[in-house]
Amino acid sequence: MEKIKMQFNQILPYFMVTLMFYYGGPLFMINDEVSVFIMGVVLPIGSMLIGFVVGLREGFKPLYSLLCLLAFIPQYWLNLPDVVAWAFYAIMYIGGSMLGMLVGWIVDKVVKKMMLG
């Protein structure tokens, strides 16, 4: 339990940025074209970048991906009342954050290996 609490404290700042991203992004949806761009391009790239920073600084933390999924659940009632659309975007955002986290973790390992010899 102590290990999970320590991991939570490590990823909390990144998770707060993710929450602002998930719930701040839809505030800019003024019409269909902008909504598609934000939901299909901006939010997935942002999720991937935040995941990259988590992987780079903290390592691969599956708890972060789980928290991102839990944080995305209310989007069903707020923006995406269709289960299929919600699942598509959830997979896209969570997959992007996991991919970014994995790439950041690998980059961190490679850079450390190159620096240390």
N, C-alpha and C. Protein backbone atom coordinates (compact mmCIF):
# COMPACT_ATOMS: atom_id res chain seq x y z
N MET A 1 0.83 -1.20 0.00
CA MET A 1 0.00 0.00 0.00
C MET A 1 0.87 1.26 0.00
N GLU A 2 1.96 1.18 0.72
CA GLU A 2 2.87 2.34 0.79
C GLU A 2 3.49 2.62 -0.58
N LYS A 3 3.75 1.56 -1.35
CA LYS A 3 4.34 1.73 -2.67
C LYS A 3 3.37 2.45 -3.61
N ILE A 4 2.10 2.08 -3.54
CA ILE A 4 1.08 2.73 -4.37
C ILE A 4 0.93 4.19 -3.98
N LYS A 5 0.97 4.47 -2.70
CA LYS A 5 0.86 5.85 -2.23
C LYS A 5 2.05 6.68 -2.71
N MET A 6 3.24 6.08 -2.70
CA MET A 6 4.43 6.79 -3.17
C MET A 6 4.33 7.05 -4.68
N GLN A 7 3.87 6.05 -5.45
CA GLN A 7 3.69 6.24 -6.89
C GLN A 7 2.65 7.30 -7.18
N PHE A 8 1.57 7.30 -6.40
CA PHE A 8 0.53 8.30 -6.58
C PHE A 8 1.08 9.71 -6.36
N ASN A 9 1.88 9.87 -5.33
CA ASN A 9 2.48 11.18 -5.06
C ASN A 9 3.44 11.60 -6.17
N GLN A 10 4.11 10.64 -6.80
CA GLN A 10 5.02 10.97 -7.89
C GLN A 10 4.28 11.43 -9.13
N ILE A 11 3.16 10.80 -9.43
CA ILE A 11 2.46 11.12 -10.68
C ILE A 11 1.34 12.15 -10.51
N LEU A 12 1.07 12.57 -9.30
CA LEU A 12 -0.03 13.51 -9.05
C LEU A 12 0.08 14.80 -9.85
N PRO A 13 1.24 15.46 -9.93
CA PRO A 13 1.29 16.70 -10.73
C PRO A 13 0.96 16.47 -12.21
N TYR A 14 1.43 15.37 -12.77
CA TYR A 14 1.16 15.07 -14.17
C TYR A 14 -0.31 14.72 -14.37
N PHE A 15 -0.88 14.04 -13.40
CA PHE A 15 -2.29 13.68 -13.47
C PHE A 15 -3.17 14.93 -13.41
N MET A 16 -2.77 15.91 -12.62
CA MET A 16 -3.55 17.16 -12.55
C MET A 16 -3.52 17.89 -13.90
N VAL A 17 -2.38 17.87 -14.57
CA VAL A 17 -2.29 18.48 -15.90
C VAL A 17 -3.19 17.71 -16.87
N THR A 18 -3.20 16.39 -16.76
CA THR A 18 -4.06 15.56 -17.60
C THR A 18 -5.53 15.90 -17.37
N LEU A 19 -5.92 16.06 -16.11
CA LEU A 19 -7.30 16.43 -15.81
C LEU A 19 -7.66 17.78 -16.44
N MET A 20 -6.76 18.75 -16.33
CA MET A 20 -7.02 20.06 -16.94
C MET A 20 -7.15 19.92 -18.45
N PHE A 21 -6.37 19.05 -19.02
CA PHE A 21 -6.41 18.82 -20.45
C PHE A 21 -7.72 18.16 -20.87
N TYR A 22 -8.12 17.10 -20.15
CA TYR A 22 -9.36 16.38 -20.47
C TYR A 22 -10.58 17.28 -20.36
N TYR A 23 -10.64 18.10 -19.32
CA TYR A 23 -11.85 18.87 -19.07
C TYR A 23 -11.75 20.33 -19.51
N GLY A 24 -10.55 20.78 -19.83
CA GLY A 24 -10.39 22.13 -20.37
C GLY A 24 -10.51 22.17 -21.87
N GLY A 25 -10.06 21.11 -22.52
CA GLY A 25 -10.12 21.04 -23.99
C GLY A 25 -11.52 21.22 -24.54
N PRO A 26 -12.50 20.51 -24.00
CA PRO A 26 -13.86 20.67 -24.53
C PRO A 26 -14.45 22.07 -24.37
N LEU A 27 -13.88 22.91 -23.53
CA LEU A 27 -14.38 24.28 -23.40
C LEU A 27 -14.19 25.07 -24.69
N PHE A 28 -13.27 24.66 -25.55
CA PHE A 28 -12.98 25.37 -26.78
C PHE A 28 -13.75 24.83 -27.98
N MET A 29 -14.64 23.88 -27.75
CA MET A 29 -15.42 23.30 -28.84
C MET A 29 -16.60 24.20 -29.17
N ILE A 30 -16.42 25.01 -30.22
CA ILE A 30 -17.47 25.97 -30.58
C ILE A 30 -18.33 25.49 -31.74
N ASN A 31 -17.76 24.60 -32.58
CA ASN A 31 -18.54 24.03 -33.67
C ASN A 31 -18.00 22.63 -33.97
N ASP A 32 -18.58 21.96 -34.94
CA ASP A 32 -18.21 20.57 -35.22
C ASP A 32 -16.76 20.41 -35.69
N GLU A 33 -16.29 21.33 -36.54
CA GLU A 33 -14.93 21.21 -37.05
C GLU A 33 -13.90 21.35 -35.94
N VAL A 34 -14.10 22.32 -35.09
CA VAL A 34 -13.19 22.55 -33.97
C VAL A 34 -13.26 21.37 -33.00
N SER A 35 -14.45 20.85 -32.77
CA SER A 35 -14.62 19.71 -31.87
C SER A 35 -13.87 18.49 -32.37
N VAL A 36 -13.97 18.22 -33.65
CA VAL A 36 -13.28 17.07 -34.23
C VAL A 36 -11.77 17.27 -34.12
N PHE A 37 -11.30 18.47 -34.39
CA PHE A 37 -9.86 18.75 -34.29
C PHE A 37 -9.36 18.58 -32.86
N ILE A 38 -10.11 19.11 -31.90
CA ILE A 38 -9.68 19.00 -30.50
C ILE A 38 -9.73 17.56 -30.03
N MET A 39 -10.85 16.88 -30.27
CA MET A 39 -10.99 15.50 -29.78
C MET A 39 -10.12 14.51 -30.56
N GLY A 40 -9.86 14.77 -31.82
CA GLY A 40 -9.12 13.82 -32.64
C GLY A 40 -7.64 14.09 -32.78
N VAL A 41 -7.21 15.33 -32.53
CA VAL A 41 -5.80 15.67 -32.73
C VAL A 41 -5.16 16.23 -31.46
N VAL A 42 -5.74 17.29 -30.93
CA VAL A 42 -5.11 17.99 -29.81
C VAL A 42 -5.05 17.13 -28.55
N LEU A 43 -6.17 16.55 -28.15
CA LEU A 43 -6.18 15.75 -26.92
C LEU A 43 -5.33 14.48 -27.00
N PRO A 44 -5.35 13.73 -28.11
CA PRO A 44 -4.46 12.56 -28.16
C PRO A 44 -2.97 12.93 -28.15
N ILE A 45 -2.60 13.99 -28.87
CA ILE A 45 -1.19 14.41 -28.87
C ILE A 45 -0.81 14.93 -27.49
N GLY A 46 -1.70 15.67 -26.85
CA GLY A 46 -1.43 16.15 -25.50
C GLY A 46 -1.28 15.00 -24.51
N SER A 47 -2.14 14.00 -24.62
CA SER A 47 -2.03 12.82 -23.75
C SER A 47 -0.71 12.11 -23.96
N MET A 48 -0.30 12.02 -25.21
CA MET A 48 0.96 11.36 -25.52
C MET A 48 2.14 12.16 -24.95
N LEU A 49 2.10 13.47 -25.07
CA LEU A 49 3.19 14.30 -24.55
C LEU A 49 3.27 14.25 -23.03
N ILE A 50 2.13 14.30 -22.38
CA ILE A 50 2.13 14.21 -20.91
C ILE A 50 2.65 12.84 -20.49
N GLY A 51 2.22 11.78 -21.17
CA GLY A 51 2.73 10.45 -20.88
C GLY A 51 4.23 10.35 -21.11
N PHE A 52 4.73 11.01 -22.16
CA PHE A 52 6.17 11.03 -22.43
C PHE A 52 6.93 11.65 -21.27
N VAL A 53 6.43 12.76 -20.77
CA VAL A 53 7.10 13.43 -19.64
C VAL A 53 7.07 12.54 -18.40
N VAL A 54 5.95 11.87 -18.16
CA VAL A 54 5.87 10.94 -17.02
C VAL A 54 6.90 9.83 -17.18
N GLY A 55 6.98 9.24 -18.36
CA GLY A 55 7.95 8.18 -18.60
C GLY A 55 9.38 8.65 -18.49
N LEU A 56 9.64 9.85 -18.95
CA LEU A 56 10.98 10.41 -18.91
C LEU A 56 11.43 10.71 -17.49
N ARG A 57 10.54 11.28 -16.70
CA ARG A 57 10.92 11.72 -15.36
C ARG A 57 10.68 10.68 -14.27
N GLU A 58 9.60 9.91 -14.41
CA GLU A 58 9.22 8.99 -13.33
C GLU A 58 9.36 7.52 -13.70
N GLY A 59 9.55 7.21 -14.97
CA GLY A 59 9.58 5.81 -15.40
C GLY A 59 8.20 5.36 -15.82
N PHE A 60 8.08 4.09 -16.15
CA PHE A 60 6.80 3.55 -16.59
C PHE A 60 5.92 3.29 -15.37
N LYS A 61 4.82 4.03 -15.25
CA LYS A 61 3.90 3.94 -14.11
C LYS A 61 2.51 3.55 -14.61
N PRO A 62 2.15 2.26 -14.53
CA PRO A 62 0.82 1.84 -14.97
C PRO A 62 -0.31 2.50 -14.18
N LEU A 63 -0.03 2.92 -12.96
CA LEU A 63 -1.04 3.61 -12.15
C LEU A 63 -1.50 4.90 -12.84
N TYR A 64 -0.60 5.57 -13.53
CA TYR A 64 -0.95 6.79 -14.24
C TYR A 64 -2.00 6.50 -15.32
N SER A 65 -1.80 5.44 -16.08
CA SER A 65 -2.76 5.08 -17.12
C SER A 65 -4.11 4.71 -16.53
N LEU A 66 -4.09 3.99 -15.43
CA LEU A 66 -5.35 3.63 -14.76
C LEU A 66 -6.09 4.87 -14.27
N LEU A 67 -5.36 5.81 -13.69
CA LEU A 67 -6.00 7.05 -13.23
C LEU A 67 -6.54 7.86 -14.40
N CYS A 68 -5.82 7.86 -15.52
CA CYS A 68 -6.32 8.57 -16.71
C CYS A 68 -7.62 7.96 -17.20
N LEU A 69 -7.70 6.64 -17.18
CA LEU A 69 -8.94 5.97 -17.59
C LEU A 69 -10.08 6.32 -16.64
N LEU A 70 -9.82 6.28 -15.35
CA LEU A 70 -10.85 6.63 -14.37
C LEU A 70 -11.29 8.09 -14.52
N ALA A 71 -10.35 8.96 -14.85
CA ALA A 71 -10.68 10.38 -15.01
C ALA A 71 -11.50 10.62 -16.27
N PHE A 72 -11.39 9.72 -17.24
CA PHE A 72 -12.12 9.92 -18.51
C PHE A 72 -13.55 9.39 -18.44
N ILE A 73 -13.88 8.60 -17.45
CA ILE A 73 -15.22 8.02 -17.34
C ILE A 73 -16.33 9.08 -17.34
N PRO A 74 -16.20 10.19 -16.58
CA PRO A 74 -17.29 11.19 -16.60
C PRO A 74 -17.52 11.85 -17.96
N GLN A 75 -16.57 11.73 -18.89
CA GLN A 75 -16.78 12.31 -20.21
C GLN A 75 -17.99 11.68 -20.92
N TYR A 76 -18.33 10.46 -20.53
CA TYR A 76 -19.51 9.81 -21.12
C TYR A 76 -20.76 10.66 -20.89
N TRP A 77 -20.92 11.18 -19.71
CA TRP A 77 -22.11 11.97 -19.38
C TRP A 77 -21.96 13.43 -19.78
N LEU A 78 -20.74 13.92 -19.90
CA LEU A 78 -20.53 15.33 -20.24
C LEU A 78 -20.51 15.60 -21.74
N ASN A 79 -19.74 14.83 -22.49
CA ASN A 79 -19.54 15.13 -23.92
C ASN A 79 -19.88 14.00 -24.87
N LEU A 80 -19.75 12.76 -24.42
CA LEU A 80 -19.85 11.62 -25.33
C LEU A 80 -20.91 10.63 -24.86
N PRO A 81 -22.19 10.90 -25.08
CA PRO A 81 -23.23 10.00 -24.58
C PRO A 81 -23.34 8.69 -25.36
N ASP A 82 -22.50 8.49 -26.36
CA ASP A 82 -22.49 7.25 -27.13
C ASP A 82 -21.36 6.37 -26.60
N VAL A 83 -21.68 5.14 -26.20
CA VAL A 83 -20.69 4.24 -25.60
C VAL A 83 -19.57 3.92 -26.58
N VAL A 84 -19.89 3.73 -27.84
CA VAL A 84 -18.87 3.39 -28.83
C VAL A 84 -17.90 4.57 -29.01
N ALA A 85 -18.44 5.78 -29.13
CA ALA A 85 -17.57 6.95 -29.27
C ALA A 85 -16.72 7.14 -28.02
N TRP A 86 -17.32 6.98 -26.85
CA TRP A 86 -16.56 7.12 -25.60
C TRP A 86 -15.43 6.09 -25.55
N ALA A 87 -15.73 4.84 -25.89
CA ALA A 87 -14.70 3.79 -25.86
C ALA A 87 -13.59 4.09 -26.87
N PHE A 88 -13.95 4.57 -28.04
CA PHE A 88 -12.95 4.91 -29.05
C PHE A 88 -11.99 5.98 -28.54
N TYR A 89 -12.55 7.06 -28.00
CA TYR A 89 -11.70 8.14 -27.50
C TYR A 89 -10.92 7.71 -26.25
N ALA A 90 -11.53 6.92 -25.40
CA ALA A 90 -10.83 6.43 -24.21
C ALA A 90 -9.62 5.60 -24.61
N ILE A 91 -9.81 4.71 -25.57
CA ILE A 91 -8.68 3.88 -26.03
C ILE A 91 -7.62 4.75 -26.69
N MET A 92 -8.06 5.74 -27.45
CA MET A 92 -7.11 6.62 -28.13
C MET A 92 -6.30 7.44 -27.12
N TYR A 93 -6.95 7.99 -26.11
CA TYR A 93 -6.24 8.83 -25.14
C TYR A 93 -5.38 8.00 -24.19
N ILE A 94 -5.92 6.92 -23.68
CA ILE A 94 -5.18 6.08 -22.74
C ILE A 94 -4.04 5.37 -23.48
N GLY A 95 -4.32 4.90 -24.68
CA GLY A 95 -3.26 4.29 -25.49
C GLY A 95 -2.16 5.29 -25.81
N GLY A 96 -2.54 6.51 -26.12
CA GLY A 96 -1.55 7.55 -26.38
C GLY A 96 -0.71 7.86 -25.17
N SER A 97 -1.35 7.92 -24.02
CA SER A 97 -0.57 8.21 -22.80
C SER A 97 0.36 7.05 -22.46
N MET A 98 -0.11 5.82 -22.67
CA MET A 98 0.76 4.66 -22.40
C MET A 98 1.91 4.60 -23.40
N LEU A 99 1.63 4.87 -24.67
CA LEU A 99 2.69 4.88 -25.67
C LEU A 99 3.71 5.96 -25.37
N GLY A 100 3.24 7.16 -25.04
CA GLY A 100 4.15 8.24 -24.69
C GLY A 100 4.98 7.91 -23.46
N MET A 101 4.34 7.30 -22.47
CA MET A 101 5.06 6.92 -21.25
C MET A 101 6.13 5.87 -21.56
N LEU A 102 5.79 4.90 -22.38
CA LEU A 102 6.74 3.86 -22.76
C LEU A 102 7.92 4.46 -23.53
N VAL A 103 7.64 5.33 -24.48
CA VAL A 103 8.71 5.97 -25.25
C VAL A 103 9.58 6.84 -24.35
N GLY A 104 8.97 7.59 -23.45
CA GLY A 104 9.74 8.41 -22.51
C GLY A 104 10.63 7.57 -21.61
N TRP A 105 10.10 6.45 -21.15
CA TRP A 105 10.88 5.55 -20.29
C TRP A 105 12.06 4.96 -21.06
N ILE A 106 11.83 4.55 -22.32
CA ILE A 106 12.90 3.99 -23.15
C ILE A 106 13.95 5.06 -23.45
N VAL A 107 13.52 6.26 -23.79
CA VAL A 107 14.47 7.34 -24.06
C VAL A 107 15.31 7.62 -22.82
N ASP A 108 14.68 7.63 -21.66
CA ASP A 108 15.42 7.85 -20.41
C ASP A 108 16.47 6.77 -20.21
N LYS A 109 16.11 5.51 -20.43
CA LYS A 109 17.05 4.40 -20.25
C LYS A 109 18.20 4.50 -21.26
N VAL A 110 17.90 4.81 -22.52
CA VAL A 110 18.92 4.89 -23.55
C VAL A 110 19.88 6.05 -23.27
N VAL A 111 19.34 7.20 -22.89
CA VAL A 111 20.18 8.36 -22.61
C VAL A 111 21.07 8.08 -21.41
N LYS A 112 20.52 7.49 -20.36
CA LYS A 112 21.35 7.17 -19.19
C LYS A 112 22.44 6.19 -19.55
N LYS A 113 22.11 5.19 -20.38
CA LYS A 113 23.11 4.19 -20.78
C LYS A 113 24.21 4.84 -21.60
N MET A 114 23.84 5.76 -22.49
CA MET A 114 24.84 6.45 -23.32
C MET A 114 25.71 7.37 -22.47
N MET A 115 25.12 8.01 -21.49
CA MET A 115 25.87 8.94 -20.66
C MET A 115 26.82 8.22 -19.70
N LEU A 116 26.39 7.06 -19.21
CA LEU A 116 27.19 6.33 -18.24
C LEU A 116 28.19 5.37 -18.91
N GLY A 117 28.06 5.20 -20.18
CA GLY A 117 29.04 4.36 -20.88
C GLY A 117 28.42 3.19 -21.41
